Protein backbone atom coordinates (compact mmCIF):
# COMPACT_ATOMS: atom_id res chain seq x y z
CA MET A 1 0.06 0.14 0.27
CA ASP A 2 1.09 3.49 -0.28
CA SER A 3 3.01 5.16 2.43
CA LEU A 4 0.24 7.08 3.86
CA THR A 5 -1.90 4.39 4.46
CA HIS A 6 0.44 2.54 6.58
CA VAL A 7 1.16 5.60 8.37
CA VAL A 8 -2.49 6.00 9.40
CA LEU A 9 -3.46 2.62 9.92
CA GLY A 10 -0.31 1.95 12.04
CA ALA A 11 -1.22 4.94 14.15
CA CYS A 12 -4.74 3.34 14.66
CA ILE A 13 -3.20 0.27 15.65
CA GLY A 14 -0.94 1.74 18.05
CA GLU A 15 -3.56 3.66 20.15
CA ALA A 16 -5.74 0.71 20.19
CA MET A 17 -3.36 -1.72 21.49
CA LEU A 18 -1.02 0.71 23.32
CA GLY A 19 -2.68 3.83 23.98
CA ARG A 20 -3.97 3.41 27.44
CA LYS A 21 -0.24 2.43 28.65
CA ILE A 22 1.94 4.81 27.02
CA GLY A 23 -0.65 7.55 25.66
CA ARG A 24 -0.13 9.32 22.28
CA LYS A 25 3.46 7.67 22.00
CA ALA A 26 1.77 4.58 20.93
CA MET A 27 0.41 6.22 17.67
CA ALA A 28 4.26 7.22 16.84
CA TRP A 29 5.42 3.77 17.48
CA GLY A 30 2.82 2.62 15.33
CA ALA A 31 3.31 4.58 12.44
CA LEU A 32 7.14 4.14 12.83
CA ALA A 33 6.74 0.06 12.78
CA GLN A 34 4.10 0.02 9.94
CA SER A 35 6.44 1.93 7.54
CA ILE A 36 9.51 0.44 8.36
CA PRO A 37 9.65 -2.63 6.15
CA ASP A 38 9.75 0.09 3.45
CA ILE A 39 13.24 1.01 4.36
CA ASP A 40 14.40 -0.86 1.23
CA PHE A 41 14.00 2.27 -0.65
CA ILE A 42 17.92 3.22 0.72
CA ALA A 43 19.02 0.43 -1.94
CA GLY A 44 17.90 2.75 -4.71
CA PHE A 45 20.95 4.85 -3.77
CA TRP A 46 23.70 2.22 -4.82
CA MET A 47 21.67 -0.77 -6.70
CA ASP A 48 21.16 -0.76 -10.39
CA LEU A 49 17.15 -0.21 -11.32
CA SER A 50 16.45 -3.78 -12.47
CA ASP A 51 18.47 -4.76 -9.30
CA GLU A 52 16.47 -2.45 -7.02
CA LEU A 53 12.96 -3.65 -8.40
CA LEU A 54 13.90 -7.18 -7.30
CA ALA A 55 15.26 -5.73 -3.99
CA HIS A 56 11.79 -3.62 -3.53
CA ARG A 57 9.47 -5.38 -1.18
CA GLY A 58 12.19 -8.26 -0.80
CA PHE A 59 14.12 -9.21 2.36
CA THR A 60 12.55 -6.31 4.16
CA HIS A 61 9.14 -7.90 3.32
CA SER A 62 9.89 -11.19 4.75
CA PHE A 63 8.79 -13.09 7.54
CA LEU A 64 12.46 -13.54 8.92
CA PHE A 65 12.63 -9.63 8.98
CA ALA A 66 9.19 -9.10 10.47
CA GLY A 67 10.63 -11.45 13.40
CA LEU A 68 14.07 -9.83 13.95
CA ALA A 69 12.49 -6.34 13.70
CA THR A 70 9.39 -7.10 16.13
CA LEU A 71 12.42 -8.29 18.90
CA PHE A 72 14.40 -5.07 17.80
CA PHE A 73 11.31 -2.50 18.50
CA SER A 74 10.24 -4.60 21.52
CA MET A 75 13.59 -4.32 23.30
CA ALA A 76 13.76 -0.62 22.18
CA ALA A 77 10.52 0.51 23.52
CA ASP A 78 10.84 -1.65 26.43
CA ARG A 79 13.73 0.26 27.32
CA ILE A 80 12.68 3.62 26.28
CA HIS A 81 9.64 3.76 28.29
CA ARG A 82 11.11 2.36 31.54
CA PRO A 83 9.67 2.44 34.45
CA HIS A 84 6.71 1.11 33.02
CA ASN A 85 4.11 -2.17 34.11
CA ILE A 86 4.12 -3.31 29.97
CA ALA A 87 5.07 -7.01 29.60
CA PHE A 88 7.62 -7.66 27.06
CA ARG A 89 5.53 -10.00 25.07
CA ARG A 90 2.93 -7.32 24.68
CA PHE A 91 5.31 -5.17 23.09
CA ASN A 92 5.99 -8.26 21.17
CA ALA A 93 2.58 -8.64 19.85
CA PHE A 94 1.96 -4.94 18.97
CA PHE A 95 5.16 -4.50 16.92
CA GLY A 96 4.42 -8.14 15.33
CA VAL A 97 0.79 -7.01 14.42
CA GLU A 98 2.25 -3.80 13.32
CA ILE A 99 4.70 -5.14 10.87
CA LEU A 100 3.02 -8.56 9.75
CA THR A 101 0.02 -6.10 8.68
CA HIS A 102 2.39 -4.12 6.27
CA LEU A 103 3.46 -7.45 5.01
CA PHE A 104 0.00 -8.67 4.50
CA LEU A 105 -1.40 -5.65 2.87
CA ASP A 106 1.76 -5.04 0.60
CA ALA A 107 0.82 -8.47 -0.75
CA CYS A 108 -2.67 -7.56 -1.70
CA ASN A 109 -0.92 -5.45 -4.35
CA ASN A 110 0.23 -6.18 -7.85
CA TYR A 111 4.28 -5.70 -7.37
CA GLY A 112 4.32 -8.76 -5.17
CA VAL A 113 6.51 -9.54 -1.81
CA GLY A 114 9.00 -11.63 -0.65
CA TRP A 115 7.63 -13.16 2.36
CA PHE A 116 10.15 -16.34 2.43
CA GLU A 117 13.25 -14.20 1.33
CA PRO A 118 16.23 -15.06 1.81
CA PHE A 119 14.98 -18.76 1.48
CA SER A 120 13.21 -18.29 -1.12
CA ASP A 121 12.64 -15.69 -3.91
CA TYR A 122 9.13 -16.26 -4.56
CA ARG A 123 6.63 -13.51 -4.65
CA VAL A 124 3.35 -13.06 -3.51
CA SER A 125 0.73 -11.24 -4.89
CA PHE A 126 -2.81 -11.52 -4.62
CA ASN A 127 -3.80 -8.46 -6.75
CA SER A 128 -7.06 -7.61 -5.01
CA VAL A 129 -6.38 -4.07 -3.80
CA TYR A 130 -4.85 -1.23 -5.69
CA VAL A 131 -1.46 0.15 -4.30
CA ALA A 132 -3.48 3.78 -3.43
CA ASP A 133 -7.37 3.08 -2.90
CA PRO A 134 -8.74 5.89 -0.97
CA PHE A 135 -11.84 4.05 -0.16
CA PHE A 136 -9.79 1.85 1.94
CA SER A 137 -7.54 4.90 3.44
CA PHE A 138 -9.90 7.59 4.18
CA VAL A 139 -11.71 6.59 7.30
CA PRO A 140 -7.94 5.31 8.93
CA ALA A 141 -6.70 8.90 7.93
CA VAL A 142 -9.81 10.92 9.02
CA CYS A 143 -9.65 8.97 12.60
CA CYS A 144 -5.93 9.39 12.65
CA LEU A 145 -6.33 13.04 12.21
CA VAL A 146 -8.91 13.40 15.19
CA LEU A 147 -6.78 11.56 17.34
CA LEU A 148 -3.92 13.70 16.70
CA ALA A 149 -6.17 16.63 17.63
CA GLY A 150 -7.96 15.55 20.60
CA THR A 151 -5.80 16.02 23.32
CA ARG A 152 -8.69 16.05 25.69
CA MET A 153 -10.18 12.96 24.67
CA THR A 154 -11.16 10.35 27.31
CA HIS A 155 -8.93 7.03 26.54
CA GLU A 156 -12.36 5.24 25.78
CA SER A 157 -13.33 8.07 23.52
CA ARG A 158 -9.78 7.39 22.04
CA ARG A 159 -9.95 3.90 21.66
CA ARG A 160 -13.27 3.98 20.04
CA TRP A 161 -11.93 6.54 17.24
CA ALA A 162 -8.99 3.97 16.92
CA MET A 163 -11.36 0.96 16.11
CA ALA A 164 -13.47 2.63 14.04
CA GLY A 165 -10.20 3.57 11.67
CA LEU A 166 -9.73 -0.27 12.17
CA TRP A 167 -12.94 -1.83 11.38
CA ALA A 168 -13.77 0.55 8.25
CA PRO A 169 -10.59 -0.86 6.40
CA ILE A 170 -11.48 -4.12 7.52
CA VAL A 171 -14.83 -4.17 6.33
CA TYR A 172 -13.77 -2.72 2.96
CA PHE A 173 -11.14 -5.40 2.84
CA GLY A 174 -13.80 -8.11 3.07
CA TYR A 175 -15.52 -6.07 0.07
CA THR A 176 -12.65 -6.20 -2.06
CA VAL A 177 -11.96 -10.00 -1.70
CA VAL A 178 -15.70 -10.78 -2.93
CA ASN A 179 -15.05 -8.11 -6.02
CA LYS A 180 -11.86 -10.31 -6.49
CA MET A 181 -13.59 -13.46 -6.70
CA THR A 182 -16.50 -12.13 -8.43
CA ILE A 183 -14.02 -11.00 -11.13
CA ASP A 184 -12.10 -13.94 -11.45
CA LEU A 185 -15.14 -16.07 -11.66
CA SER A 186 -16.66 -13.97 -14.39
CA VAL A 187 -13.62 -13.92 -16.55
CA ARG A 188 -13.42 -17.44 -16.68
CA GLU A 189 -16.74 -17.87 -17.61
CA LYS A 190 -16.57 -15.38 -20.37
CA ALA A 191 -13.54 -16.73 -21.82
CA LYS A 192 -14.94 -19.85 -22.00
CA GLU A 193 -18.05 -18.98 -23.80
CA GLN A 194 -16.10 -16.76 -26.30
CA GLY A 195 -13.42 -19.47 -26.67
CA VAL A 196 -10.90 -17.82 -25.49
CA ALA A 197 -7.87 -20.45 -24.91
CA TYR A 198 -5.17 -19.17 -22.36
CA LYS A 199 -2.45 -20.94 -20.26
CA ARG A 200 -3.00 -18.42 -17.20
CA TYR A 201 -4.46 -15.10 -16.49
CA PHE A 202 -4.53 -12.32 -13.91
CA THR A 203 -6.87 -9.84 -13.10
CA THR A 204 -5.86 -6.57 -10.80
CA PRO A 205 -7.96 -3.29 -10.01
CA SER A 206 -7.40 -0.36 -12.31
CA PRO A 207 -6.07 2.82 -10.64
CA LEU A 208 -7.86 4.20 -7.36
CA ASN A 209 -10.84 1.75 -7.19
CA ASN A 210 -11.90 -1.67 -6.76
CA TRP A 211 -14.56 -2.14 -9.49
CA LEU A 212 -12.95 -1.96 -12.62
CA TRP A 213 -10.32 -4.49 -13.02
CA PHE A 214 -7.50 -4.97 -15.81
CA VAL A 215 -7.66 -8.51 -17.45
CA VAL A 216 -4.81 -10.63 -18.54
CA PHE A 217 -4.85 -13.62 -20.75
CA GLU A 218 -1.65 -15.61 -21.86
CA ASP A 219 -1.43 -17.71 -24.83
CA SER A 220 1.57 -19.11 -26.44
CA SER A 221 1.71 -16.14 -28.79
CA GLY A 222 1.42 -13.41 -26.51
CA TYR A 223 -1.84 -11.87 -24.52
CA ARG A 224 -5.34 -10.63 -24.83
CA VAL A 225 -5.90 -7.85 -22.45
CA GLY A 226 -8.86 -5.98 -21.45
CA TYR A 227 -11.19 -4.81 -18.61
CA ARG A 228 -14.02 -6.19 -16.62
CA SER A 229 -16.24 -4.24 -14.05
CA VAL A 230 -18.03 -6.15 -11.45
CA PHE A 231 -21.13 -4.66 -12.64
CA ASP A 232 -20.63 -5.94 -16.27
CA GLY A 233 -23.04 -8.90 -15.78
CA LYS A 234 -23.68 -10.66 -19.30
CA ARG A 235 -21.69 -8.19 -21.44
CA PRO A 236 -18.75 -9.98 -23.34
CA LEU A 237 -15.43 -9.81 -22.92
CA GLU A 238 -13.61 -7.23 -24.75
CA LEU A 239 -10.03 -7.90 -25.41
CA SER A 240 -7.10 -6.76 -27.63
CA LEU A 241 -4.16 -8.83 -28.55
CA ARG A 242 -1.02 -7.82 -27.18
CA PRO A 243 2.22 -10.11 -28.88
CA ARG A 244 4.93 -10.84 -26.44
CA ARG A 245 7.54 -9.96 -29.09
CA ASP A 246 10.32 -12.39 -27.68
CA ASP A 247 12.29 -11.80 -30.93
CA LEU A 248 13.06 -8.16 -29.98
CA LEU A 249 14.55 -9.55 -26.97
CA ARG A 250 17.40 -12.10 -28.35
CA PRO A 251 19.99 -9.85 -28.95
CA VAL A 252 20.12 -8.89 -25.47
CA ALA A 253 18.50 -12.22 -23.75
CA ASP A 254 21.61 -12.94 -21.82
CA HIS A 255 21.77 -9.45 -19.94
CA GLU A 256 21.58 -9.55 -16.53
CA GLU A 257 19.15 -6.47 -16.73
CA VAL A 258 16.67 -8.48 -19.10
CA GLN A 259 16.71 -11.69 -16.93
CA ASP A 260 16.12 -9.38 -13.92
CA LEU A 261 13.14 -7.83 -15.63
CA LYS A 262 11.47 -10.94 -16.86
CA LYS A 263 11.76 -12.46 -13.32
CA PHE A 264 10.61 -9.12 -11.60
CA SER A 265 7.41 -9.44 -14.35
CA GLN A 266 6.70 -13.06 -13.41
CA GLY A 267 6.68 -13.55 -16.97
CA PHE A 268 4.23 -11.24 -18.03
CA TYR A 269 6.05 -8.98 -20.81
CA THR A 270 5.97 -7.66 -23.95
CA ALA A 271 8.68 -6.43 -25.78
CA GLU A 272 8.19 -3.29 -28.32
CA GLN A 273 10.11 -0.86 -30.43
CA TRP A 274 9.66 2.57 -29.98
CA GLY A 275 11.44 4.39 -32.88
CA ASP A 276 15.39 3.67 -31.95
CA THR A 277 14.62 2.49 -28.31
CA LEU A 278 13.51 -1.21 -27.11
CA VAL A 279 11.08 -1.36 -24.44
CA PHE A 280 10.49 -3.80 -21.84
CA ASN A 281 6.88 -3.77 -20.72
CA ASP A 282 5.55 -5.35 -17.24
CA LEU A 283 1.62 -6.08 -17.90
CA ARG A 284 0.84 -6.39 -14.23
CA PHE A 285 0.68 -2.76 -13.79
CA GLY A 286 -2.21 -2.31 -16.46
CA GLN A 287 -2.18 0.05 -19.08
CA VAL A 288 -2.58 3.95 -19.28
CA VAL A 289 -6.02 4.58 -19.13
CA GLY A 290 -6.49 1.70 -21.03
CA TRP A 291 -10.43 1.89 -20.57
CA GLU A 292 -10.59 4.78 -22.73
CA ASP A 293 -8.40 3.66 -25.53
CA PRO A 294 -7.31 -0.37 -25.10
CA GLY A 295 -4.28 0.50 -27.84
CA ASN A 296 -2.73 2.35 -25.15
CA ARG A 297 0.91 1.76 -23.66
CA PHE A 298 1.42 0.07 -20.45
CA VAL A 299 2.34 1.81 -17.47
CA PHE A 300 5.38 0.05 -16.36
CA HIS A 301 7.69 0.48 -19.64
CA TYR A 302 11.33 0.27 -19.42
CA PHE A 303 13.68 1.72 -21.70
CA LEU A 304 16.22 -1.15 -22.44
CA SER A 305 18.10 0.96 -25.09
CA HIS A 306 18.27 4.10 -22.91
CA PRO A 307 18.50 3.14 -19.28
CA GLU A 308 19.10 6.54 -17.95
CA ASP A 309 15.83 7.13 -18.83
CA ASN A 310 14.21 5.00 -16.44
CA LYS A 311 13.34 6.75 -13.19
CA LEU A 312 10.32 6.67 -11.70
CA ILE A 313 9.82 3.25 -13.43
CA VAL A 314 6.97 2.03 -11.66
CA GLN A 315 5.38 5.55 -10.94
CA ARG A 316 5.84 7.38 -14.12
CA GLY A 317 2.78 5.87 -16.14
CA ARG A 318 0.29 5.42 -13.43
CA PHE A 319 -1.42 8.72 -14.40
CA ALA A 320 0.16 9.64 -17.74
CA LEU A 321 -2.64 11.08 -20.15
CA TRP A 322 -5.10 11.60 -17.17
CA THR A 323 -7.38 14.52 -17.61
CA PRO A 324 -10.29 16.18 -15.57
CA GLN A 325 -12.53 13.66 -17.76
CA THR A 326 -10.50 10.67 -17.08
CA PRO A 327 -12.32 9.91 -13.69
CA LEU A 328 -15.91 10.37 -15.45
CA VAL A 329 -14.74 7.95 -18.22
CA MET A 330 -13.81 5.83 -15.52
CA TYR A 331 -17.05 6.06 -13.75
CA GLU A 332 -19.20 5.41 -17.01
CA ARG A 333 -16.72 2.20 -18.00
CA ILE A 334 -17.75 0.89 -14.35
CA VAL A 335 -21.30 1.29 -14.75
CA GLY A 336 -21.49 0.17 -18.30
CA ARG A 337 -22.21 3.15 -20.07
CA ARG A 338 -19.33 2.79 -22.34
């Protein structure tokens, strides 16, 4: 999830679990602990970009790191707050919940996380929530602000606000799971009805919502991509063909950079030639406003010919081509008017 979501959710958990014991400092501990797995951003200062892509959400998002970080933070909090009457196991439970919550939420996005590193480089990705979903984050953010501003609130009142900041995203998360199951069932049924042959497929939410989903079917020659709304009902799948074009990658197939990108993409990639530039696309991040134009480029496009131009590789395409009308067009597609 985005950093703001981790901070406000961590603060609400802190207030709920330790607020009565250490006051408002619990929110600070919670925000810090919930954010600590993202310390891997430091790797970007010295690693090549293709290596950094694999390092991000790698070891610092593993169960081993969670255990080590929980112990470290528990020892630090136990020492800093002396004298106190808080059992060490309570600190352990608190920091464990915070860090494991971060690991679980990030696994719900499309980037993938290395839960089992360094023992396995398998990446876990449930593709059920967009990385920045305001419907998930809004209530925790409001509750966090109330708690920060409410200096004269009673402990019971603070706890109620904290619990509201936790229950709202829990309920919404359950709703996203239902949407994911609905979409997956729908696209499989429609693929069978329409004779779409495929080896594997994936679905992932489009930006900032959980109602319009990006759909990718893989076959031997490439991919069929499109969008599906949870409200589409009997509407047929509308897919466009995107060839993989491995032939373009043959001259550079043995380059470590290309091998890293293939691994990072979990095999969902295409290659394209843009003028004199060879481009590697990772399909998992969707298209640039593909619900408006199915021929648009993919969000994640890596310039193999000009690697110096790959700054902000994951972010640069997310909202490219967005205009004031784009959210309206998205809404019309969600409700079936387009």
